[in-house]
Amino acid sequence: MKLTDLLNEVEKEEVLKPVNENPEVVDEIGKFFVVKKPGKGMTKEDIMIEATVFDEIKMDEIKGCYKQKSDASRVATEALKEYEMQLKEMEYAMNEFRAAKKDIEDKKKAAKDKIKALQ
């Protein structure tokens, strides 16, 4: 075997060796708890997740980050109650709107009938 062949073989082996892209990573922060903003059909378990600094967290999707699970649980419960209350308020407002719209339609029909009667 020639020296150049040997060097080429060693070079190929070095290129094919997997490179350890994640050497020992130190995480001094540890786990924490993220409370997401609630959405339709979500439960407390859906909006409260355990995370580390290596997890993706989008700021516009969360209510907060907490070191203690109890704090995160309390905030998640409050967020769900607030969300449900807002849904009820919106439902009430929509029902009022529908009732007002129906009332206007009834008055419009009554006015048309009176105009036809006068002709």
C-alpha atoms as a PDB file:
ATOM      1  CA  MET A   1       0.000   0.000   0.000  1.00  0.00           C
ATOM      2  CA  LYS A   2       1.308   3.380  -0.926  1.00  0.00           C
ATOM      3  CA  LEU A   3       1.606   6.190   1.555  1.00  0.00           C
ATOM      4  CA  THR A   4      -0.849   8.357  -0.418  1.00  0.00           C
ATOM      5  CA  ASP A   5      -3.445   5.572  -0.354  1.00  0.00           C
ATOM      6  CA  LEU A   6      -3.035   5.262   3.396  1.00  0.00           C
ATOM      7  CA  LEU A   7      -3.401   9.010   3.878  1.00  0.00           C
ATOM      8  CA  ASN A   8      -6.515   9.057   1.668  1.00  0.00           C
ATOM      9  CA  GLU A   9      -8.017   6.204   3.685  1.00  0.00           C
ATOM     10  CA  VAL A  10      -7.349   7.977   6.995  1.00  0.00           C
ATOM     11  CA  GLU A  11      -8.790  11.187   5.605  1.00  0.00           C
ATOM     12  CA  LYS A  12     -11.983   9.393   4.493  1.00  0.00           C
ATOM     13  CA  GLU A  13     -12.406   7.829   7.936  1.00  0.00           C
ATOM     14  CA  GLU A  14     -12.078  11.232   9.606  1.00  0.00           C
ATOM     15  CA  VAL A  15     -14.708  12.723   7.296  1.00  0.00           C
ATOM     16  CA  LEU A  16     -17.118   9.856   7.950  1.00  0.00           C
ATOM     17  CA  LYS A  17     -16.797   9.984  11.749  1.00  0.00           C
ATOM     18  CA  PRO A  18     -19.881  11.485  13.353  1.00  0.00           C
ATOM     19  CA  VAL A  19     -19.151  14.782  14.994  1.00  0.00           C
ATOM     20  CA  ASN A  20     -20.574  15.259  18.466  1.00  0.00           C
ATOM     21  CA  GLU A  21     -22.465  18.495  17.893  1.00  0.00           C
ATOM     22  CA  ASN A  22     -23.849  18.646  21.429  1.00  0.00           C
ATOM     23  CA  PRO A  23     -20.997  18.162  23.843  1.00  0.00           C
ATOM     24  CA  GLU A  24     -21.902  17.954  27.519  1.00  0.00           C
ATOM     25  CA  VAL A  25     -24.320  20.806  28.075  1.00  0.00           C
ATOM     26  CA  VAL A  26     -24.704  22.300  31.524  1.00  0.00           C
ATOM     27  CA  ASP A  27     -28.196  23.330  32.584  1.00  0.00           C
ATOM     28  CA  GLU A  28     -27.998  25.207  35.860  1.00  0.00           C
ATOM     29  CA  ILE A  29     -31.526  26.575  35.441  1.00  0.00           C
ATOM     30  CA  GLY A  30     -33.322  23.231  35.526  1.00  0.00           C
ATOM     31  CA  LYS A  31     -36.990  22.678  34.868  1.00  0.00           C
ATOM     32  CA  PHE A  32     -39.649  25.341  35.153  1.00  0.00           C
ATOM     33  CA  PHE A  33     -43.333  25.569  34.357  1.00  0.00           C
ATOM     34  CA  VAL A  34     -44.868  27.503  31.473  1.00  0.00           C
ATOM     35  CA  VAL A  35     -48.494  28.599  31.427  1.00  0.00           C
ATOM     36  CA  LYS A  36     -49.826  29.126  27.911  1.00  0.00           C
ATOM     37  CA  LYS A  37     -52.751  31.369  27.035  1.00  0.00           C
ATOM     38  CA  PRO A  38     -55.954  29.319  27.071  1.00  0.00           C
ATOM     39  CA  GLY A  39     -57.944  28.540  23.956  1.00  0.00           C
ATOM     40  CA  LYS A  40     -61.150  26.802  22.986  1.00  0.00           C
ATOM     41  CA  GLY A  41     -61.460  23.335  24.514  1.00  0.00           C
ATOM     42  CA  MET A  42     -58.171  23.529  26.415  1.00  0.00           C
ATOM     43  CA  THR A  43     -57.769  22.078  29.895  1.00  0.00           C
ATOM     44  CA  LYS A  44     -55.413  22.954  32.697  1.00  0.00           C
ATOM     45  CA  GLU A  45     -53.084  20.165  31.589  1.00  0.00           C
ATOM     46  CA  ASP A  46     -53.027  21.629  28.067  1.00  0.00           C
ATOM     47  CA  ILE A  47     -51.941  25.104  29.111  1.00  0.00           C
ATOM     48  CA  MET A  48     -49.451  24.195  31.873  1.00  0.00           C
ATOM     49  CA  ILE A  49     -46.280  22.476  30.675  1.00  0.00           C
ATOM     50  CA  GLU A  50     -42.946  21.567  32.201  1.00  0.00           C
ATOM     51  CA  ALA A  51     -40.031  23.012  30.231  1.00  0.00           C
ATOM     52  CA  THR A  52     -36.279  23.602  30.215  1.00  0.00           C
ATOM     53  CA  VAL A  53     -34.164  26.348  28.687  1.00  0.00           C
ATOM     54  CA  PHE A  54     -33.758  24.140  25.615  1.00  0.00           C
ATOM     55  CA  ASP A  55     -37.492  24.028  24.818  1.00  0.00           C
ATOM     56  CA  GLU A  56     -39.009  26.509  22.378  1.00  0.00           C
ATOM     57  CA  ILE A  57     -41.162  29.100  24.110  1.00  0.00           C
ATOM     58  CA  LYS A  58     -42.999  31.739  22.100  1.00  0.00           C
ATOM     59  CA  MET A  59     -43.575  34.852  24.158  1.00  0.00           C
ATOM     60  CA  ASP A  60     -46.854  35.762  22.470  1.00  0.00           C
ATOM     61  CA  GLU A  61     -48.375  32.361  23.363  1.00  0.00           C
ATOM     62  CA  ILE A  62     -47.713  32.326  27.112  1.00  0.00           C
ATOM     63  CA  LYS A  63     -49.101  33.896  30.283  1.00  0.00           C
ATOM     64  CA  GLY A  64     -45.918  33.297  32.276  1.00  0.00           C
ATOM     65  CA  CYS A  65     -43.046  31.090  33.438  1.00  0.00           C
ATOM     66  CA  TYR A  66     -42.857  29.824  37.029  1.00  0.00           C
ATOM     67  CA  LYS A  67     -40.278  27.934  39.053  1.00  0.00           C
ATOM     68  CA  GLN A  68     -42.887  26.371  41.342  1.00  0.00           C
ATOM     69  CA  LYS A  69     -45.532  24.036  39.958  1.00  0.00           C
ATOM     70  CA  SER A  70     -48.084  25.322  42.494  1.00  0.00           C
ATOM     71  CA  ASP A  71     -47.701  28.904  41.230  1.00  0.00           C
ATOM     72  CA  ALA A  72     -48.118  27.769  37.627  1.00  0.00           C
ATOM     73  CA  SER A  73     -51.164  25.693  38.577  1.00  0.00           C
ATOM     74  CA  ARG A  74     -52.804  28.659  40.302  1.00  0.00           C
ATOM     75  CA  VAL A  75     -52.194  30.950  37.310  1.00  0.00           C
ATOM     76  CA  ALA A  76     -53.448  28.288  34.879  1.00  0.00           C
ATOM     77  CA  THR A  77     -56.670  27.882  36.867  1.00  0.00           C
ATOM     78  CA  GLU A  78     -57.206  31.652  36.961  1.00  0.00           C
ATOM     79  CA  ALA A  79     -56.494  31.960  33.236  1.00  0.00           C
ATOM     80  CA  LEU A  80     -59.053  29.261  32.397  1.00  0.00           C
ATOM     81  CA  LYS A  81     -61.699  30.901  34.612  1.00  0.00           C
ATOM     82  CA  GLU A  82     -61.034  34.279  33.017  1.00  0.00           C
ATOM     83  CA  TYR A  83     -61.235  32.769  29.531  1.00  0.00           C
ATOM     84  CA  GLU A  84     -64.542  31.030  30.312  1.00  0.00           C
ATOM     85  CA  MET A  85     -65.928  34.262  31.766  1.00  0.00           C
ATOM     86  CA  GLN A  86     -64.957  36.151  28.601  1.00  0.00           C
ATOM     87  CA  LEU A  87     -66.665  33.484  26.481  1.00  0.00           C
ATOM     88  CA  LYS A  88     -69.856  33.813  28.540  1.00  0.00           C
ATOM     89  CA  GLU A  89     -69.767  37.612  28.227  1.00  0.00           C
ATOM     90  CA  MET A  90     -69.295  37.330  24.463  1.00  0.00           C
ATOM     91  CA  GLU A  91     -72.156  34.821  24.222  1.00  0.00           C
ATOM     92  CA  TYR A  92     -74.403  37.157  26.221  1.00  0.00           C
ATOM     93  CA  ALA A  93     -73.460  40.115  23.983  1.00  0.00           C
ATOM     94  CA  MET A  94     -74.140  38.052  20.852  1.00  0.00           C
ATOM     95  CA  ASN A  95     -77.555  36.999  22.183  1.00  0.00           C
ATOM     96  CA  GLU A  96     -78.399  40.649  22.896  1.00  0.00           C
ATOM     97  CA  PHE A  97     -77.291  41.571  19.381  1.00  0.00           C
ATOM     98  CA  ARG A  98     -79.417  38.816  17.826  1.00  0.00           C
ATOM     99  CA  ALA A  99     -82.438  39.898  19.868  1.00  0.00           C
ATOM    100  CA  ALA A 100     -81.963  43.544  18.848  1.00  0.00           C
ATOM    101  CA  LYS A 101     -81.529  42.540  15.208  1.00  0.00           C
ATOM    102  CA  LYS A 102     -84.730  40.451  15.323  1.00  0.00           C
ATOM    103  CA  ASP A 103     -86.579  43.348  16.947  1.00  0.00           C
ATOM    104  CA  ILE A 104     -85.404  45.685  14.185  1.00  0.00           C
ATOM    105  CA  GLU A 105     -86.466  43.183  11.509  1.00  0.00           C
ATOM    106  CA  ASP A 106     -89.924  42.902  13.131  1.00  0.00           C
ATOM    107  CA  LYS A 107     -90.300  46.694  13.244  1.00  0.00           C
ATOM    108  CA  LYS A 108     -89.121  46.938   9.628  1.00  0.00           C
ATOM    109  CA  LYS A 109     -91.732  44.381   8.554  1.00  0.00           C
ATOM    110  CA  ALA A 110     -94.453  46.185  10.532  1.00  0.00           C
ATOM    111  CA  ALA A 111     -93.501  49.476   8.866  1.00  0.00           C
ATOM    112  CA  LYS A 112     -93.628  47.864   5.396  1.00  0.00           C
ATOM    113  CA  ASP A 113     -97.066  46.426   6.165  1.00  0.00           C
ATOM    114  CA  LYS A 114     -98.348  49.856   7.271  1.00  0.00           C
ATOM    115  CA  ILE A 115     -96.966  51.486   4.109  1.00  0.00           C
ATOM    116  CA  LYS A 116     -98.688  48.827   1.939  1.00  0.00           C
ATOM    117  CA  ALA A 117    -101.932  49.378   3.839  1.00  0.00           C
ATOM    118  CA  LEU A 118    -101.793  53.117   3.124  1.00  0.00           C
ATOM    119  CA  GLN A 119    -101.370  52.638  -0.629  1.00  0.00           C
END
